[in-house]
Amino acid sequence: MKLISYTYENATRYGILLDRGVVDVRHCMDAAPATINDFFALACGNTALMASMAQRAATAPAVALDQVSLLPCVPRPSKIICLGVNYHDHAAEGGNKVADYPTIFFRGPSSLLAQGGTIPIPAISTSLDYEAELALVIGKTTRNVSEAEALDAVFAYACFNDATFRDYQRKTTQWTVGKNFDQTGGFGPHLVTADELPPGCVGLHIESRLNGKVMQSATTTDMVFHVAPTIAMMSACMTLEPGDVIVMGTPAGVGYARKPPVWMQPGDTIEIEIEGIGVLRNQVGLSSAP
């Protein structure tokens, strides 16, 4: 099943994405939760509910995608946990050692961007890089879960572009500032429920294309820390809540490691594609913010 978050008729909604458009979740289940985060908590692991929703969606009224405004797949996660240096080839291109524990940083919700949105370049920086990444969404409250049971906590997966202003990333030993400029984290094009993908999304092709040119091309098998161990490690430290997002790092081919470096420019189109999930597409433009 594919799901999106969107606004329609001045209201924030979420629903099931079909070829003919989006079906509001309220047409697919009785007493649907008001937020998609609460929906995850109700639906994660509930195969009977998901089957019933799919059956009802098949005959329910749909709204064409060009009539809605897309939002990031999860508009307001309580946490966005990101892994750095989590592909062997990316570690090598940056001269980094593979550690025995993942490099972790956080993003905030204001850094997220929907499918089709424009990444704004502000006046204070021009070193905007792309990073093709797999994102997962936690479906149920999870604490101290074992690696063997960790995948039960995943509701869905999506593409993510961890777009980064490299000069600001390197202003401090922590990467937070360079990773949290407004509307830089492309998150889409939709959620794909975990049952439609290989466990932990192992073995999927992941690729970025800048103006149609392939910049990164790899497989998720090359991750240093895969989905299940990552969830186990994070849940040992903090409670993972429905709607939390974990972004799993990027493979080699990023702009800063190229000679000369390649930075995204106004007018560019950046695409992130993951096998079985889809293509996340965003434009790049100048920021209109003062």
C-alpha atoms as a PDB file:
ATOM      1  CA  MET A   1       0.000   0.000   0.000  1.00  0.00           C
ATOM      2  CA  LYS A   2       1.134   3.548  -0.786  1.00  0.00           C
ATOM      3  CA  LEU A   3       0.158   6.497   1.413  1.00  0.00           C
ATOM      4  CA  ILE A   4       0.651  10.253   1.187  1.00  0.00           C
ATOM      5  CA  SER A   5       0.058  13.291   3.356  1.00  0.00           C
ATOM      6  CA  TYR A   6      -1.444  16.349   1.691  1.00  0.00           C
ATOM      7  CA  THR A   7      -3.657  19.391   2.026  1.00  0.00           C
ATOM      8  CA  TYR A   8      -7.017  19.615   0.304  1.00  0.00           C
ATOM      9  CA  GLU A   9      -9.806  22.121   0.813  1.00  0.00           C
ATOM     10  CA  ASN A  10      -7.721  23.941   3.459  1.00  0.00           C
ATOM     11  CA  ALA A  11      -7.314  20.825   5.598  1.00  0.00           C
ATOM     12  CA  THR A  12      -4.376  18.530   6.283  1.00  0.00           C
ATOM     13  CA  ARG A  13      -5.202  14.957   5.288  1.00  0.00           C
ATOM     14  CA  TYR A  14      -3.594  11.595   4.576  1.00  0.00           C
ATOM     15  CA  GLY A  15      -4.761   8.807   2.358  1.00  0.00           C
ATOM     16  CA  ILE A  16      -4.120   5.835   0.113  1.00  0.00           C
ATOM     17  CA  LEU A  17      -2.479   6.571  -3.217  1.00  0.00           C
ATOM     18  CA  LEU A  18      -3.964   4.771  -6.216  1.00  0.00           C
ATOM     19  CA  ASP A  19      -3.449   5.161  -9.968  1.00  0.00           C
ATOM     20  CA  ARG A  20      -6.622   7.257 -10.154  1.00  0.00           C
ATOM     21  CA  GLY A  21      -5.670   9.604  -7.302  1.00  0.00           C
ATOM     22  CA  VAL A  22      -5.691   9.705  -3.521  1.00  0.00           C
ATOM     23  CA  VAL A  23      -8.454   8.252  -1.353  1.00  0.00           C
ATOM     24  CA  ASP A  24      -8.924  10.054   1.956  1.00  0.00           C
ATOM     25  CA  VAL A  25      -8.352   7.580   4.779  1.00  0.00           C
ATOM     26  CA  ARG A  26     -11.733   8.585   6.219  1.00  0.00           C
ATOM     27  CA  HIS A  27     -13.351   6.774   3.287  1.00  0.00           C
ATOM     28  CA  CYS A  28     -11.392   3.612   4.103  1.00  0.00           C
ATOM     29  CA  MET A  29     -11.895   3.108   7.824  1.00  0.00           C
ATOM     30  CA  ASP A  30     -14.361   4.056  10.525  1.00  0.00           C
ATOM     31  CA  ALA A  31     -13.246   6.604  13.119  1.00  0.00           C
ATOM     32  CA  ALA A  32      -9.984   7.301  11.299  1.00  0.00           C
ATOM     33  CA  PRO A  33      -7.377   9.020  13.496  1.00  0.00           C
ATOM     34  CA  ALA A  34      -6.936  12.734  12.883  1.00  0.00           C
ATOM     35  CA  THR A  35      -3.173  12.488  12.299  1.00  0.00           C
ATOM     36  CA  ILE A  36      -1.084  10.068  10.314  1.00  0.00           C
ATOM     37  CA  ASN A  37       1.136   9.467  13.366  1.00  0.00           C
ATOM     38  CA  ASP A  38      -1.862   8.160  15.308  1.00  0.00           C
ATOM     39  CA  PHE A  39      -2.841   6.087  12.290  1.00  0.00           C
ATOM     40  CA  PHE A  40       0.559   4.361  12.318  1.00  0.00           C
ATOM     41  CA  ALA A  41       0.028   3.347  15.934  1.00  0.00           C
ATOM     42  CA  LEU A  42      -3.346   1.828  15.090  1.00  0.00           C
ATOM     43  CA  ALA A  43      -2.404   0.160  11.810  1.00  0.00           C
ATOM     44  CA  CYS A  44       1.130  -1.165  12.403  1.00  0.00           C
ATOM     45  CA  GLY A  45       0.934  -4.960  12.432  1.00  0.00           C
ATOM     46  CA  ASN A  46      -2.856  -4.894  11.990  1.00  0.00           C
ATOM     47  CA  THR A  47      -3.136  -6.899   8.787  1.00  0.00           C
ATOM     48  CA  ALA A  48      -6.922  -7.198   9.019  1.00  0.00           C
ATOM     49  CA  LEU A  49      -7.318  -3.416   9.169  1.00  0.00           C
ATOM     50  CA  MET A  50      -4.934  -2.845   6.271  1.00  0.00           C
ATOM     51  CA  ALA A  51      -6.722  -5.429   4.129  1.00  0.00           C
ATOM     52  CA  SER A  52     -10.086  -3.857   4.906  1.00  0.00           C
ATOM     53  CA  MET A  53      -8.762  -0.398   4.026  1.00  0.00           C
ATOM     54  CA  ALA A  54      -7.403  -1.603   0.696  1.00  0.00           C
ATOM     55  CA  GLN A  55     -10.733  -3.215  -0.158  1.00  0.00           C
ATOM     56  CA  ARG A  56     -12.722  -0.089   0.697  1.00  0.00           C
ATOM     57  CA  ALA A  57     -10.276   2.200  -1.125  1.00  0.00           C
ATOM     58  CA  ALA A  58     -10.814   0.283  -4.367  1.00  0.00           C
ATOM     59  CA  THR A  59     -14.354   1.641  -4.684  1.00  0.00           C
ATOM     60  CA  ALA A  60     -14.088   4.881  -2.693  1.00  0.00           C
ATOM     61  CA  PRO A  61     -14.008   8.334  -4.319  1.00  0.00           C
ATOM     62  CA  ALA A  62     -10.528   9.612  -5.178  1.00  0.00           C
ATOM     63  CA  VAL A  63      -9.114  13.096  -5.706  1.00  0.00           C
ATOM     64  CA  ALA A  64      -6.660  13.643  -8.553  1.00  0.00           C
ATOM     65  CA  LEU A  65      -3.119  14.401  -7.420  1.00  0.00           C
ATOM     66  CA  ASP A  66      -3.051  17.690  -9.309  1.00  0.00           C
ATOM     67  CA  GLN A  67      -5.900  18.884  -7.079  1.00  0.00           C
ATOM     68  CA  VAL A  68      -3.974  18.459  -3.805  1.00  0.00           C
ATOM     69  CA  SER A  69      -0.830  19.953  -2.283  1.00  0.00           C
ATOM     70  CA  LEU A  70       1.600  17.275  -1.199  1.00  0.00           C
ATOM     71  CA  LEU A  71       3.232  17.353   2.225  1.00  0.00           C
ATOM     72  CA  PRO A  72       6.278  15.426   3.454  1.00  0.00           C
ATOM     73  CA  CYS A  73       5.219  11.801   3.984  1.00  0.00           C
ATOM     74  CA  VAL A  74       5.113  12.411   7.742  1.00  0.00           C
ATOM     75  CA  PRO A  75       4.585  16.156   8.198  1.00  0.00           C
ATOM     76  CA  ARG A  76       5.474  16.338  11.908  1.00  0.00           C
ATOM     77  CA  PRO A  77       7.636  13.473  13.170  1.00  0.00           C
ATOM     78  CA  SER A  78       8.620  13.784  16.795  1.00  0.00           C
ATOM     79  CA  LYS A  79      12.134  12.649  15.829  1.00  0.00           C
ATOM     80  CA  ILE A  80      14.095  12.412  12.589  1.00  0.00           C
ATOM     81  CA  ILE A  81      17.155  10.283  13.337  1.00  0.00           C
ATOM     82  CA  CYS A  82      19.811  10.297  10.618  1.00  0.00           C
ATOM     83  CA  LEU A  83      22.829   8.065  10.088  1.00  0.00           C
ATOM     84  CA  GLY A  84      26.067   9.420   8.690  1.00  0.00           C
ATOM     85  CA  VAL A  85      28.873   7.518   6.948  1.00  0.00           C
ATOM     86  CA  ASN A  86      26.665   4.420   6.712  1.00  0.00           C
ATOM     87  CA  TYR A  87      27.790   3.014   3.347  1.00  0.00           C
ATOM     88  CA  HIS A  88      31.207   1.425   2.957  1.00  0.00           C
ATOM     89  CA  ASP A  89      31.930   3.214  -0.343  1.00  0.00           C
ATOM     90  CA  HIS A  90      30.841   6.614   1.010  1.00  0.00           C
ATOM     91  CA  ALA A  91      33.099   6.180   4.043  1.00  0.00           C
ATOM     92  CA  ALA A  92      35.992   5.433   1.686  1.00  0.00           C
ATOM     93  CA  GLU A  93      35.401   8.446  -0.592  1.00  0.00           C
ATOM     94  CA  GLY A  94      35.389  10.785   2.406  1.00  0.00           C
ATOM     95  CA  GLY A  95      38.448   9.227   4.038  1.00  0.00           C
ATOM     96  CA  ASN A  96      36.398   8.069   7.025  1.00  0.00           C
ATOM     97  CA  LYS A  97      36.803   4.879   8.996  1.00  0.00           C
ATOM     98  CA  VAL A  98      33.879   2.493   9.425  1.00  0.00           C
ATOM     99  CA  ALA A  99      33.023   2.645  13.119  1.00  0.00           C
ATOM    100  CA  ASP A 100      31.529   0.038  15.427  1.00  0.00           C
ATOM    101  CA  TYR A 101      28.620   2.367  16.231  1.00  0.00           C
ATOM    102  CA  PRO A 102      26.729   4.585  13.773  1.00  0.00           C
ATOM    103  CA  THR A 103      27.263   8.324  13.475  1.00  0.00           C
ATOM    104  CA  ILE A 104      23.952   9.883  14.519  1.00  0.00           C
ATOM    105  CA  PHE A 105      22.502  13.350  13.982  1.00  0.00           C
ATOM    106  CA  PHE A 106      18.979  14.743  14.085  1.00  0.00           C
ATOM    107  CA  ARG A 107      16.838  16.749  11.696  1.00  0.00           C
ATOM    108  CA  GLY A 108      13.847  18.856  12.678  1.00  0.00           C
ATOM    109  CA  PRO A 109      10.432  18.837  10.987  1.00  0.00           C
ATOM    110  CA  SER A 110      10.956  22.325   9.490  1.00  0.00           C
ATOM    111  CA  SER A 111      13.779  20.862   7.378  1.00  0.00           C
ATOM    112  CA  LEU A 112      11.435  18.490   5.517  1.00  0.00           C
ATOM    113  CA  LEU A 113      10.224  19.015   1.951  1.00  0.00           C
ATOM    114  CA  ALA A 114       7.500  17.268  -0.037  1.00  0.00           C
ATOM    115  CA  GLN A 115       7.686  15.600  -3.417  1.00  0.00           C
ATOM    116  CA  GLY A 116       7.826  18.287  -6.127  1.00  0.00           C
ATOM    117  CA  GLY A 117       8.846  21.070  -3.759  1.00  0.00           C
ATOM    118  CA  THR A 118      11.757  23.426  -4.295  1.00  0.00           C
ATOM    119  CA  ILE A 119      14.896  23.324  -2.150  1.00  0.00           C
ATOM    120  CA  PRO A 120      15.749  26.978  -1.386  1.00  0.00           C
ATOM    121  CA  ILE A 121      19.335  28.207  -1.508  1.00  0.00           C
ATOM    122  CA  PRO A 122      19.777  31.144   0.888  1.00  0.00           C
ATOM    123  CA  ALA A 123      22.191  34.019   0.377  1.00  0.00           C
ATOM    124  CA  ILE A 124      24.535  32.757   3.100  1.00  0.00           C
ATOM    125  CA  SER A 125      25.677  29.587   1.307  1.00  0.00           C
ATOM    126  CA  THR A 126      26.024  28.037  -2.123  1.00  0.00           C
ATOM    127  CA  SER A 127      27.564  24.640  -1.222  1.00  0.00           C
ATOM    128  CA  LEU A 128      24.337  22.600  -1.418  1.00  0.00           C
ATOM    129  CA  ASP A 129      24.970  18.863  -1.774  1.00  0.00           C
ATOM    130  CA  TYR A 130      22.624  15.929  -2.481  1.00  0.00           C
ATOM    131  CA  GLU A 131      22.420  12.612  -0.612  1.00  0.00           C
ATOM    132  CA  ALA A 132      20.224   9.714  -1.759  1.00  0.00           C
ATOM    133  CA  GLU A 133      18.910   7.846   1.275  1.00  0.00           C
ATOM    134  CA  LEU A 134      16.379   5.275   2.423  1.00  0.00           C
ATOM    135  CA  ALA A 135      13.962   6.473   5.111  1.00  0.00           C
ATOM    136  CA  LEU A 136      11.853   4.297   7.363  1.00  0.00           C
ATOM    137  CA  VAL A 137       8.860   5.237   9.484  1.00  0.00           C
ATOM    138  CA  ILE A 138       8.299   3.722  12.909  1.00  0.00           C
ATOM    139  CA  GLY A 139       4.788   2.357  13.370  1.00  0.00           C
ATOM    140  CA  LYS A 140       4.577   1.546  17.058  1.00  0.00           C
ATOM    141  CA  THR A 141       6.100   2.617  20.350  1.00  0.00           C
ATOM    142  CA  THR A 142       9.381   0.747  20.631  1.00  0.00           C
ATOM    143  CA  ARG A 143      11.904   0.539  23.478  1.00  0.00           C
ATOM    144  CA  ASN A 144      14.734  -1.956  23.998  1.00  0.00           C
ATOM    145  CA  VAL A 145      13.694  -4.098  21.052  1.00  0.00           C
ATOM    146  CA  SER A 146      15.900  -6.965  19.938  1.00  0.00           C
ATOM    147  CA  GLU A 147      17.403  -7.007  16.477  1.00  0.00           C
ATOM    148  CA  ALA A 148      15.341 -10.104  15.692  1.00  0.00           C
ATOM    149  CA  GLU A 149      12.089  -8.256  16.421  1.00  0.00           C
ATOM    150  CA  ALA A 150      13.112  -4.767  15.285  1.00  0.00           C
ATOM    151  CA  LEU A 151      11.532  -4.893  11.823  1.00  0.00           C
ATOM    152  CA  ASP A 152       8.102  -5.392  13.422  1.00  0.00           C
ATOM    153  CA  ALA A 153       8.333  -1.723  14.423  1.00  0.00           C
ATOM    154  CA  VAL A 154       8.610  -0.477  10.823  1.00  0.00           C
ATOM    155  CA  PHE A 155       5.401   0.671   9.176  1.00  0.00           C
ATOM    156  CA  ALA A 156       6.720   1.935   5.836  1.00  0.00           C
ATOM    157  CA  TYR A 157       9.652   3.189   3.779  1.00  0.00           C
ATOM    158  CA  ALA A 158      10.259   6.182   1.492  1.00  0.00           C
ATOM    159  CA  CYS A 159      13.006   7.973  -0.412  1.00  0.00           C
ATOM    160  CA  PHE A 160      14.911  10.792   1.272  1.00  0.00           C
ATOM    161  CA  ASN A 161      17.302  13.471   0.025  1.00  0.00           C
ATOM    162  CA  ASP A 162      19.502  14.542   2.938  1.00  0.00           C
ATOM    163  CA  ALA A 163      20.459  17.765   1.140  1.00  0.00           C
ATOM    164  CA  THR A 164      23.238  19.484   3.059  1.00  0.00           C
ATOM    165  CA  PHE A 165      24.975  22.842   3.085  1.00  0.00           C
ATOM    166  CA  ARG A 166      28.506  21.512   3.454  1.00  0.00           C
ATOM    167  CA  ASP A 167      30.147  24.722   4.647  1.00  0.00           C
ATOM    168  CA  TYR A 168      27.685  24.972   7.535  1.00  0.00           C
ATOM    169  CA  GLN A 169      27.967  21.255   8.260  1.00  0.00           C
ATOM    170  CA  ARG A 170      31.669  21.792   8.916  1.00  0.00           C
ATOM    171  CA  LYS A 171      31.375  24.923  11.035  1.00  0.00           C
ATOM    172  CA  THR A 172      31.083  22.707  14.125  1.00  0.00           C
ATOM    173  CA  THR A 173      31.985  19.146  15.078  1.00  0.00           C
ATOM    174  CA  GLN A 174      28.238  18.424  15.163  1.00  0.00           C
ATOM    175  CA  TRP A 175      26.474  18.414  11.776  1.00  0.00           C
ATOM    176  CA  THR A 176      23.137  19.816  12.943  1.00  0.00           C
ATOM    177  CA  VAL A 177      23.235  23.271  11.335  1.00  0.00           C
ATOM    178  CA  GLY A 178      24.223  22.145   7.845  1.00  0.00           C
ATOM    179  CA  LYS A 179      21.553  19.443   7.913  1.00  0.00           C
ATOM    180  CA  ASN A 180      18.646  21.592   9.103  1.00  0.00           C
ATOM    181  CA  PHE A 181      18.209  24.458   6.690  1.00  0.00           C
ATOM    182  CA  ASP A 182      14.504  24.911   5.958  1.00  0.00           C
ATOM    183  CA  GLN A 183      12.953  22.632   3.353  1.00  0.00           C
ATOM    184  CA  THR A 184      16.125  20.772   2.425  1.00  0.00           C
ATOM    185  CA  GLY A 185      15.163  17.207   3.370  1.00  0.00           C
ATOM    186  CA  GLY A 186      13.127  15.847   0.483  1.00  0.00           C
ATOM    187  CA  PHE A 187      10.839  13.089   1.794  1.00  0.00           C
ATOM    188  CA  GLY A 188       8.669  11.139  -0.646  1.00  0.00           C
ATOM    189  CA  PRO A 189       7.282  10.552  -3.170  1.00  0.00           C
ATOM    190  CA  HIS A 190       5.030   8.431  -0.923  1.00  0.00           C
ATOM    191  CA  LEU A 191       5.198   5.825   1.795  1.00  0.00           C
ATOM    192  CA  VAL A 192       5.346   2.170   0.763  1.00  0.00           C
ATOM    193  CA  THR A 193       4.245  -0.209   3.495  1.00  0.00           C
ATOM    194  CA  ALA A 194       6.883  -2.625   4.727  1.00  0.00           C
ATOM    195  CA  ASP A 195       4.975  -5.714   3.571  1.00  0.00           C
ATOM    196  CA  GLU A 196       5.579  -4.716  -0.072  1.00  0.00           C
ATOM    197  CA  LEU A 197       9.373  -4.586   0.248  1.00  0.00           C
ATOM    198  CA  PRO A 198      12.167  -7.010   1.241  1.00  0.00           C
ATOM    199  CA  PRO A 199      12.754  -7.229   5.002  1.00  0.00           C
ATOM    200  CA  GLY A 200      14.778  -4.195   6.007  1.00  0.00           C
ATOM    201  CA  CYS A 201      14.897  -3.133   2.333  1.00  0.00           C
ATOM    202  CA  VAL A 202      18.119  -5.095   1.881  1.00  0.00           C
ATOM    203  CA  GLY A 203      19.301  -5.487  -1.711  1.00  0.00           C
ATOM    204  CA  LEU A 204      17.464  -2.552  -3.284  1.00  0.00           C
ATOM    205  CA  HIS A 205      19.082  -0.326  -5.880  1.00  0.00           C
ATOM    206  CA  ILE A 206      19.447   3.315  -4.770  1.00  0.00           C
ATOM    207  CA  GLU A 207      20.358   6.145  -7.123  1.00  0.00           C
ATOM    208  CA  SER A 208      20.536   9.935  -7.370  1.00  0.00           C
ATOM    209  CA  ARG A 209      20.318  11.884 -10.621  1.00  0.00           C
ATOM    210  CA  LEU A 210      21.164  15.576 -11.014  1.00  0.00           C
ATOM    211  CA  ASN A 211      19.533  17.022 -14.124  1.00  0.00           C
ATOM    212  CA  GLY A 212      19.245  13.463 -15.428  1.00  0.00           C
ATOM    213  CA  LYS A 213      22.900  12.552 -14.830  1.00  0.00           C
ATOM    214  CA  VAL A 214      23.510   9.614 -12.487  1.00  0.00           C
ATOM    215  CA  MET A 215      25.553  10.802  -9.503  1.00  0.00           C
ATOM    216  CA  GLN A 216      25.103   7.923  -7.052  1.00  0.00           C
ATOM    217  CA  SER A 217      24.317   4.310  -7.893  1.00  0.00           C
ATOM    218  CA  ALA A 218      24.533   1.597  -5.252  1.00  0.00           C
ATOM    219  CA  THR A 219      22.652  -1.084  -3.371  1.00  0.00           C
ATOM    220  CA  THR A 220      21.340  -0.927   0.167  1.00  0.00           C
ATOM    221  CA  THR A 221      23.273  -4.128   0.816  1.00  0.00           C
ATOM    222  CA  ASP A 222      26.369  -1.914   1.144  1.00  0.00           C
ATOM    223  CA  MET A 223      25.075  -0.298   4.336  1.00  0.00           C
ATOM    224  CA  VAL A 224      27.366  -0.608   7.340  1.00  0.00           C
ATOM    225  CA  PHE A 225      24.432  -0.705   9.775  1.00  0.00           C
ATOM    226  CA  HIS A 226      21.230  -2.116   8.329  1.00  0.00           C
ATOM    227  CA  VAL A 227      17.688  -1.297   9.413  1.00  0.00           C
ATOM    228  CA  ALA A 228      17.148  -3.951  12.091  1.00  0.00           C
ATOM    229  CA  PRO A 229      20.367  -3.366  14.068  1.00  0.00           C
ATOM    230  CA  THR A 230      19.904   0.390  13.777  1.00  0.00           C
ATOM    231  CA  ILE A 231      16.421   0.214  15.309  1.00  0.00           C
ATOM    232  CA  ALA A 232      17.707  -2.064  18.063  1.00  0.00           C
ATOM    233  CA  MET A 233      20.576   0.309  18.883  1.00  0.00           C
ATOM    234  CA  MET A 234      18.412   3.424  18.850  1.00  0.00           C
ATOM    235  CA  SER A 235      15.656   1.836  20.941  1.00  0.00           C
ATOM    236  CA  ALA A 236      18.233   0.926  23.577  1.00  0.00           C
ATOM    237  CA  CYS A 237      18.787   4.664  24.106  1.00  0.00           C
ATOM    238  CA  MET A 238      15.424   6.285  23.456  1.00  0.00           C
ATOM    239  CA  THR A 239      11.763   5.453  22.953  1.00  0.00           C
ATOM    240  CA  LEU A 240      10.878   5.328  19.263  1.00  0.00           C
ATOM    241  CA  GLU A 241       7.365   6.616  18.695  1.00  0.00           C
ATOM    242  CA  PRO A 242       4.833   6.185  15.879  1.00  0.00           C
ATOM    243  CA  GLY A 243       5.755   8.543  13.066  1.00  0.00           C
ATOM    244  CA  ASP A 244       9.433   8.784  13.992  1.00  0.00           C
ATOM    245  CA  VAL A 245      11.669   8.690  10.934  1.00  0.00           C
ATOM    246  CA  ILE A 246      15.079   7.054  10.617  1.00  0.00           C
ATOM    247  CA  VAL A 247      17.176   8.050   7.593  1.00  0.00           C
ATOM    248  CA  MET A 248      19.742   5.401   6.721  1.00  0.00           C
ATOM    249  CA  GLY A 249      22.702   7.241   5.175  1.00  0.00           C
ATOM    250  CA  THR A 250      23.997   7.748   1.653  1.00  0.00           C
ATOM    251  CA  PRO A 251      26.306   5.858  -0.747  1.00  0.00           C
ATOM    252  CA  ALA A 252      29.334   7.213  -2.606  1.00  0.00           C
ATOM    253  CA  GLY A 253      29.087   9.855  -5.308  1.00  0.00           C
ATOM    254  CA  VAL A 254      28.113  12.925  -3.305  1.00  0.00           C
ATOM    255  CA  GLY A 255      29.060  16.348  -4.619  1.00  0.00           C
ATOM    256  CA  TYR A 256      31.677  17.373  -2.082  1.00  0.00           C
ATOM    257  CA  ALA A 257      33.848  14.322  -2.808  1.00  0.00           C
ATOM    258  CA  ARG A 258      34.070  15.078  -6.532  1.00  0.00           C
ATOM    259  CA  LYS A 259      36.951  16.988  -8.110  1.00  0.00           C
ATOM    260  CA  PRO A 260      35.948  19.700  -8.593  1.00  0.00           C
ATOM    261  CA  PRO A 261      33.030  19.594  -6.141  1.00  0.00           C
ATOM    262  CA  VAL A 262      29.526  19.573  -7.613  1.00  0.00           C
ATOM    263  CA  TRP A 263      26.980  21.784  -5.853  1.00  0.00           C
ATOM    264  CA  MET A 264      23.307  21.977  -6.704  1.00  0.00           C
ATOM    265  CA  GLN A 265      22.338  25.233  -8.409  1.00  0.00           C
ATOM    266  CA  PRO A 266      19.107  27.202  -8.935  1.00  0.00           C
ATOM    267  CA  GLY A 267      17.188  25.593 -11.786  1.00  0.00           C
ATOM    268  CA  ASP A 268      18.529  22.094 -11.098  1.00  0.00           C
ATOM    269  CA  THR A 269      16.346  19.017 -10.679  1.00  0.00           C
ATOM    270  CA  ILE A 270      17.466  16.340  -8.236  1.00  0.00           C
ATOM    271  CA  GLU A 271      15.927  12.861  -8.270  1.00  0.00           C
ATOM    272  CA  ILE A 272      16.312  10.083  -5.725  1.00  0.00           C
ATOM    273  CA  GLU A 273      15.136   6.640  -6.823  1.00  0.00           C
ATOM    274  CA  ILE A 274      14.947   3.485  -4.748  1.00  0.00           C
ATOM    275  CA  GLU A 275      13.903   0.196  -6.293  1.00  0.00           C
ATOM    276  CA  GLY A 276      10.378  -0.789  -5.275  1.00  0.00           C
ATOM    277  CA  ILE A 277       9.620   2.609  -3.734  1.00  0.00           C
ATOM    278  CA  GLY A 278       9.674   5.217  -6.485  1.00  0.00           C
ATOM    279  CA  VAL A 279      11.279   8.486  -7.528  1.00  0.00           C
ATOM    280  CA  LEU A 280      11.528  11.527  -5.267  1.00  0.00           C
ATOM    281  CA  ARG A 281      11.887  14.632  -7.432  1.00  0.00           C
ATOM    282  CA  ASN A 282      12.654  18.179  -6.270  1.00  0.00           C
ATOM    283  CA  GLN A 283      13.783  21.385  -7.896  1.00  0.00           C
ATOM    284  CA  VAL A 284      16.395  23.813  -6.603  1.00  0.00           C
ATOM    285  CA  GLY A 285      15.839  27.571  -6.407  1.00  0.00           C
ATOM    286  CA  LEU A 286      16.908  30.740  -4.647  1.00  0.00           C
ATOM    287  CA  SER A 287      15.399  31.358  -1.230  1.00  0.00           C
ATOM    288  CA  SER A 288      12.786  34.111  -1.050  1.00  0.00           C
ATOM    289  CA  ALA A 289      13.198  34.390   2.729  1.00  0.00           C
ATOM    290  CA  PRO A 290      14.585  37.706   4.007  1.00  0.00           C
END
